[in-house]
N, C-alpha and C. Protein backbone atom coordinates (compact mmCIF):
# COMPACT_ATOMS: atom_id res chain seq x y z
N MET A 1 114.32 64.08 126.26
CA MET A 1 115.02 64.62 125.28
C MET A 1 114.37 64.40 123.87
N LYS A 2 113.63 63.30 123.72
CA LYS A 2 113.02 62.95 122.45
C LYS A 2 111.96 63.85 122.04
N ARG A 3 111.19 64.37 123.08
CA ARG A 3 110.05 65.31 122.74
C ARG A 3 110.59 66.64 122.30
N TYR A 4 111.67 67.01 122.87
CA TYR A 4 112.36 68.36 122.54
C TYR A 4 112.82 68.05 121.00
N HIS A 5 113.40 66.93 120.65
CA HIS A 5 113.91 66.81 119.25
C HIS A 5 112.72 66.71 118.36
N ALA A 6 111.65 65.92 118.75
CA ALA A 6 110.48 65.90 117.95
C ALA A 6 109.83 67.10 117.53
N MET A 7 109.70 68.02 118.58
CA MET A 7 109.10 69.37 118.40
C MET A 7 109.96 70.21 117.35
N ASN A 8 111.25 70.04 117.51
CA ASN A 8 112.07 70.84 116.52
C ASN A 8 111.87 70.31 115.10
N VAL A 9 111.87 68.93 114.97
CA VAL A 9 111.67 68.40 113.63
C VAL A 9 110.28 68.79 113.05
N PHE A 10 109.27 68.71 113.94
CA PHE A 10 108.02 69.14 113.50
C PHE A 10 107.92 70.57 113.16
N GLY A 11 108.65 71.39 113.80
CA GLY A 11 108.74 72.83 113.56
C GLY A 11 109.34 73.03 112.24
N VAL A 12 110.53 72.46 111.93
CA VAL A 12 111.16 72.64 110.72
C VAL A 12 110.37 72.13 109.56
N ILE A 13 109.71 71.07 109.65
CA ILE A 13 108.80 70.65 108.56
C ILE A 13 107.67 71.54 108.34
N LEU A 14 107.26 72.06 109.38
CA LEU A 14 106.16 73.09 109.33
C LEU A 14 106.53 74.48 108.70
N ILE A 15 107.83 74.83 109.01
CA ILE A 15 108.34 75.93 108.31
C ILE A 15 108.27 75.87 106.76
N VAL A 16 108.70 74.63 106.38
CA VAL A 16 108.73 74.25 104.85
C VAL A 16 107.36 74.37 104.40
N MET A 17 106.40 73.74 105.08
CA MET A 17 104.92 73.71 104.61
C MET A 17 104.34 75.09 104.59
N LEU A 18 104.66 75.92 105.56
CA LEU A 18 104.09 77.27 105.51
C LEU A 18 104.79 78.31 104.55
N ALA A 19 105.99 77.92 104.24
CA ALA A 19 106.70 78.62 103.18
C ALA A 19 106.10 78.37 101.84
N LEU A 20 105.75 77.12 101.70
CA LEU A 20 105.11 76.81 100.29
C LEU A 20 103.60 77.39 100.25
N VAL A 21 102.92 77.45 101.42
CA VAL A 21 101.64 78.11 101.54
C VAL A 21 101.75 79.48 101.04
N ASN A 22 102.78 80.13 101.65
CA ASN A 22 102.98 81.59 101.30
C ASN A 22 103.25 81.75 99.84
N LEU A 23 104.16 80.96 99.37
CA LEU A 23 104.54 80.99 97.83
C LEU A 23 103.18 80.60 97.04
N GLY A 24 102.39 79.88 97.49
CA GLY A 24 101.20 79.49 96.73
C GLY A 24 100.32 80.63 96.58
N HIS A 25 100.19 81.49 97.63
CA HIS A 25 99.21 82.51 97.71
C HIS A 25 99.77 83.86 97.21
N VAL A 26 101.05 83.98 97.03
CA VAL A 26 101.71 85.33 96.60
C VAL A 26 101.15 85.83 95.28
N LEU A 27 101.07 84.92 94.33
CA LEU A 27 100.60 85.24 92.92
C LEU A 27 99.20 85.94 93.11
N TRP A 28 98.24 85.21 93.84
CA TRP A 28 96.82 85.80 93.86
C TRP A 28 96.88 87.02 94.68
N THR A 29 97.63 87.12 95.74
CA THR A 29 97.66 88.38 96.48
C THR A 29 98.11 89.53 95.67
N TRP A 30 99.27 89.27 95.00
CA TRP A 30 99.77 90.28 94.22
C TRP A 30 98.83 90.70 93.09
N TRP A 31 98.27 89.75 92.40
CA TRP A 31 97.25 90.02 91.27
C TRP A 31 96.08 90.86 91.89
N LEU A 32 95.55 90.43 92.98
CA LEU A 32 94.43 91.23 93.51
C LEU A 32 94.75 92.62 94.09
N ILE A 33 95.94 92.74 94.72
CA ILE A 33 96.32 94.12 95.16
C ILE A 33 96.56 94.94 93.93
N SER A 34 97.22 94.52 92.93
CA SER A 34 97.46 95.34 91.75
C SER A 34 96.21 95.75 91.05
N GLU A 35 95.22 94.73 90.97
CA GLU A 35 93.87 95.00 90.47
C GLU A 35 93.13 96.14 91.26
N GLN A 36 93.22 96.01 92.50
CA GLN A 36 92.55 97.07 93.42
C GLN A 36 93.18 98.44 93.25
N LEU A 37 94.47 98.52 93.11
CA LEU A 37 95.17 99.77 92.85
C LEU A 37 94.79 100.31 91.58
N GLN A 38 94.61 99.55 90.44
CA GLN A 38 94.22 100.10 89.30
C GLN A 38 92.72 100.58 89.17
N THR A 39 91.91 99.83 89.88
CA THR A 39 90.53 100.20 89.74
C THR A 39 90.11 101.31 90.88
N GLY A 40 91.01 101.60 91.78
CA GLY A 40 90.68 102.63 92.77
C GLY A 40 89.90 102.23 94.01
N TRP A 41 90.18 100.94 94.44
CA TRP A 41 89.77 100.61 95.77
C TRP A 41 88.21 100.60 95.96
N GLY A 42 87.55 99.61 96.07
CA GLY A 42 86.20 99.52 96.33
C GLY A 42 85.34 98.79 95.32
N TYR A 43 85.94 98.27 94.29
CA TYR A 43 85.29 97.33 93.38
C TYR A 43 85.57 95.95 93.51
N GLY A 44 84.79 95.08 93.18
CA GLY A 44 85.10 93.72 93.09
C GLY A 44 86.16 93.31 92.08
N THR A 45 86.59 92.09 92.08
CA THR A 45 87.54 91.66 91.14
C THR A 45 86.91 91.42 89.68
N ASN A 46 87.75 91.53 88.78
CA ASN A 46 87.37 91.27 87.33
C ASN A 46 87.85 89.77 86.95
N MET A 47 88.10 88.95 87.97
CA MET A 47 88.66 87.67 87.58
C MET A 47 87.69 86.78 87.12
N GLU A 48 86.45 87.00 87.42
CA GLU A 48 85.13 86.22 87.02
C GLU A 48 85.40 84.75 87.59
N MET A 49 85.36 83.80 86.65
CA MET A 49 85.46 82.42 87.08
C MET A 49 86.89 82.03 87.51
N LEU A 50 87.87 82.83 87.21
CA LEU A 50 89.19 82.49 87.68
C LEU A 50 89.34 82.68 89.26
N VAL A 51 88.38 83.37 89.73
CA VAL A 51 88.26 83.58 91.19
C VAL A 51 88.30 82.23 91.94
N LEU A 52 87.85 81.09 91.31
CA LEU A 52 87.92 79.86 91.91
C LEU A 52 89.31 79.48 92.21
N MET A 53 90.28 79.89 91.55
CA MET A 53 91.68 79.38 91.64
C MET A 53 92.27 79.74 93.02
N PRO A 54 92.16 81.07 93.44
CA PRO A 54 92.65 81.31 94.78
C PRO A 54 91.90 80.58 95.94
N TRP A 55 90.58 80.24 95.71
CA TRP A 55 89.93 79.49 96.77
C TRP A 55 90.40 78.03 96.64
N MET A 56 90.70 77.45 95.44
CA MET A 56 91.22 76.08 95.49
C MET A 56 92.67 76.10 96.04
N THR A 57 93.34 77.16 95.93
CA THR A 57 94.73 77.29 96.51
C THR A 57 94.47 77.27 98.11
N GLU A 58 93.62 78.02 98.58
CA GLU A 58 93.34 77.94 99.96
C GLU A 58 92.84 76.60 100.47
N LEU A 59 92.12 75.99 99.70
CA LEU A 59 91.52 74.66 100.15
C LEU A 59 92.75 73.60 100.20
N VAL A 60 93.67 73.72 99.26
CA VAL A 60 94.88 72.78 99.26
C VAL A 60 95.73 73.19 100.44
N CYS A 61 95.84 74.27 100.74
CA CYS A 61 96.69 74.86 101.83
C CYS A 61 96.14 74.81 103.18
N ALA A 62 94.88 74.43 103.31
CA ALA A 62 94.17 74.29 104.58
C ALA A 62 94.79 73.37 105.44
N PRO A 63 95.24 72.08 105.11
CA PRO A 63 95.89 71.25 106.09
C PRO A 63 97.10 71.82 106.71
N ALA A 64 97.92 72.55 106.04
CA ALA A 64 99.10 73.11 106.51
C ALA A 64 98.85 74.19 107.67
N MET A 65 97.68 74.91 107.29
CA MET A 65 97.31 75.95 108.28
C MET A 65 96.98 75.28 109.55
N ILE A 66 95.98 74.20 109.46
CA ILE A 66 95.54 73.50 110.60
C ILE A 66 96.79 72.88 111.42
N VAL A 67 97.76 72.30 110.72
CA VAL A 67 98.84 71.79 111.39
C VAL A 67 99.67 72.99 112.00
N GLY A 68 99.60 74.17 111.50
CA GLY A 68 100.29 75.26 112.07
C GLY A 68 99.72 75.66 113.42
N VAL A 69 98.30 75.56 113.38
CA VAL A 69 97.52 75.88 114.71
C VAL A 69 97.84 74.79 115.65
N VAL A 70 97.99 73.44 115.31
CA VAL A 70 98.30 72.37 116.24
C VAL A 70 99.76 72.54 116.77
N TYR A 71 100.63 73.02 115.96
CA TYR A 71 102.01 73.24 116.51
C TYR A 71 102.03 74.42 117.43
N LEU A 72 101.24 75.46 117.18
CA LEU A 72 101.28 76.59 118.13
C LEU A 72 100.63 76.20 119.45
N VAL A 73 99.66 75.32 119.46
CA VAL A 73 98.99 75.00 120.65
C VAL A 73 100.09 73.87 121.45
N LEU A 74 100.70 73.06 120.65
CA LEU A 74 101.63 72.18 121.27
C LEU A 74 102.81 72.95 121.91
N SER A 75 103.09 74.06 121.33
CA SER A 75 104.31 74.74 121.73
C SER A 75 104.06 75.36 123.20
N PHE A 76 102.90 75.57 123.48
CA PHE A 76 102.63 75.94 124.97
C PHE A 76 103.07 74.91 125.97
N PHE A 77 102.91 73.61 125.56
CA PHE A 77 103.10 72.49 126.44
C PHE A 77 104.41 71.72 126.39
N LEU A 78 105.12 71.74 125.17
CA LEU A 78 106.24 71.06 125.05
C LEU A 78 107.49 72.01 124.74
N ARG A 79 108.61 71.54 125.09
CA ARG A 79 109.81 72.37 124.84
C ARG A 79 110.10 72.37 123.39
N HIS A 80 110.66 73.51 122.89
CA HIS A 80 111.12 73.75 121.58
C HIS A 80 112.11 74.82 121.45
N LYS A 81 112.67 74.94 120.37
CA LYS A 81 113.60 76.22 120.09
C LYS A 81 112.78 77.37 119.83
N LYS A 82 113.16 78.44 120.36
CA LYS A 82 112.46 79.66 120.14
C LYS A 82 112.40 80.27 118.78
N GLY A 83 113.58 80.11 118.13
CA GLY A 83 113.76 80.54 116.77
C GLY A 83 112.83 79.87 115.87
N ILE A 84 112.69 78.59 116.00
CA ILE A 84 111.69 77.82 114.98
C ILE A 84 110.31 78.26 115.34
N LEU A 85 109.93 78.45 116.57
CA LEU A 85 108.61 78.96 116.94
C LEU A 85 108.31 80.30 116.36
N ALA A 86 109.40 81.24 116.35
CA ALA A 86 109.20 82.63 115.79
C ALA A 86 109.07 82.45 114.34
N ALA A 87 109.83 81.70 113.66
CA ALA A 87 109.66 81.54 112.18
C ALA A 87 108.35 81.01 111.77
N ASN A 88 107.84 80.00 112.60
CA ASN A 88 106.39 79.51 112.33
C ASN A 88 105.39 80.54 112.55
N ILE A 89 105.50 81.35 113.65
CA ILE A 89 104.53 82.27 113.85
C ILE A 89 104.45 83.36 112.76
N ILE A 90 105.61 83.75 112.37
CA ILE A 90 105.67 84.81 111.34
C ILE A 90 105.16 84.26 110.02
N LEU A 91 105.46 83.07 109.61
CA LEU A 91 104.99 82.40 108.40
C LEU A 91 103.52 82.22 108.41
N PHE A 92 103.05 81.80 109.69
CA PHE A 92 101.62 81.61 109.73
C PHE A 92 100.90 82.89 109.75
N ALA A 93 101.35 83.91 110.30
CA ALA A 93 100.80 85.21 110.20
C ALA A 93 100.71 85.72 108.74
N CYS A 94 101.79 85.64 108.04
CA CYS A 94 101.87 86.10 106.72
C CYS A 94 100.81 85.27 105.83
N ALA A 95 100.76 84.02 105.99
CA ALA A 95 99.78 83.17 105.20
C ALA A 95 98.21 83.72 105.63
N ALA A 96 98.03 83.88 106.91
CA ALA A 96 96.74 84.30 107.30
C ALA A 96 96.43 85.70 106.62
N VAL A 97 97.31 86.63 106.71
CA VAL A 97 97.05 87.93 106.13
C VAL A 97 96.90 87.80 104.56
N GLN A 98 97.51 86.98 103.93
CA GLN A 98 97.37 86.77 102.50
C GLN A 98 96.00 86.31 102.28
N ILE A 99 95.58 85.22 103.03
CA ILE A 99 94.29 84.64 102.79
C ILE A 99 93.21 85.71 103.14
N GLY A 100 93.32 86.51 104.08
CA GLY A 100 92.40 87.62 104.43
C GLY A 100 92.39 88.57 103.34
N VAL A 101 93.46 89.11 102.92
CA VAL A 101 93.49 90.04 101.86
C VAL A 101 92.98 89.59 100.61
N THR A 102 93.30 88.34 100.15
CA THR A 102 92.73 87.75 98.99
C THR A 102 91.23 87.76 98.94
N ASN A 103 90.63 87.24 100.13
CA ASN A 103 89.21 87.11 100.28
C ASN A 103 88.55 88.60 100.37
N LEU A 104 89.12 89.49 100.99
CA LEU A 104 88.69 90.83 101.04
C LEU A 104 88.52 91.36 99.78
N PHE A 105 89.57 91.31 98.94
CA PHE A 105 89.64 91.98 97.56
C PHE A 105 88.71 91.17 96.60
N ILE A 106 88.46 89.93 96.91
CA ILE A 106 87.49 89.10 95.96
C ILE A 106 86.11 89.62 96.32
N TRP A 107 85.71 89.85 97.50
CA TRP A 107 84.38 90.09 97.89
C TRP A 107 84.09 91.63 97.82
N PHE A 108 85.01 92.51 98.20
CA PHE A 108 84.61 93.91 98.24
C PHE A 108 85.53 94.78 97.34
């Protein structure tokens, strides 16, 4: 019973961490999407040196993403609540998409 409880606590803590990761990336994602819409898709960003800020945000959020991968791997072997797992998968996917979109719009 302890492992079941530990996985649920781990999952809830990870939900909070991944929510903060998503909140940390939403400003940069919004900024770059709006810039792409204004410039007509296909140009790099005009952020110049400020482009280092989204990358620093990604660097700070990398441990939470790594812990998310560990939780997803452990969820195959240990018992857990399905709702907590679903919330973690959704938040992890949203963070991964935001990171991907941000880097896509920075480079292309």
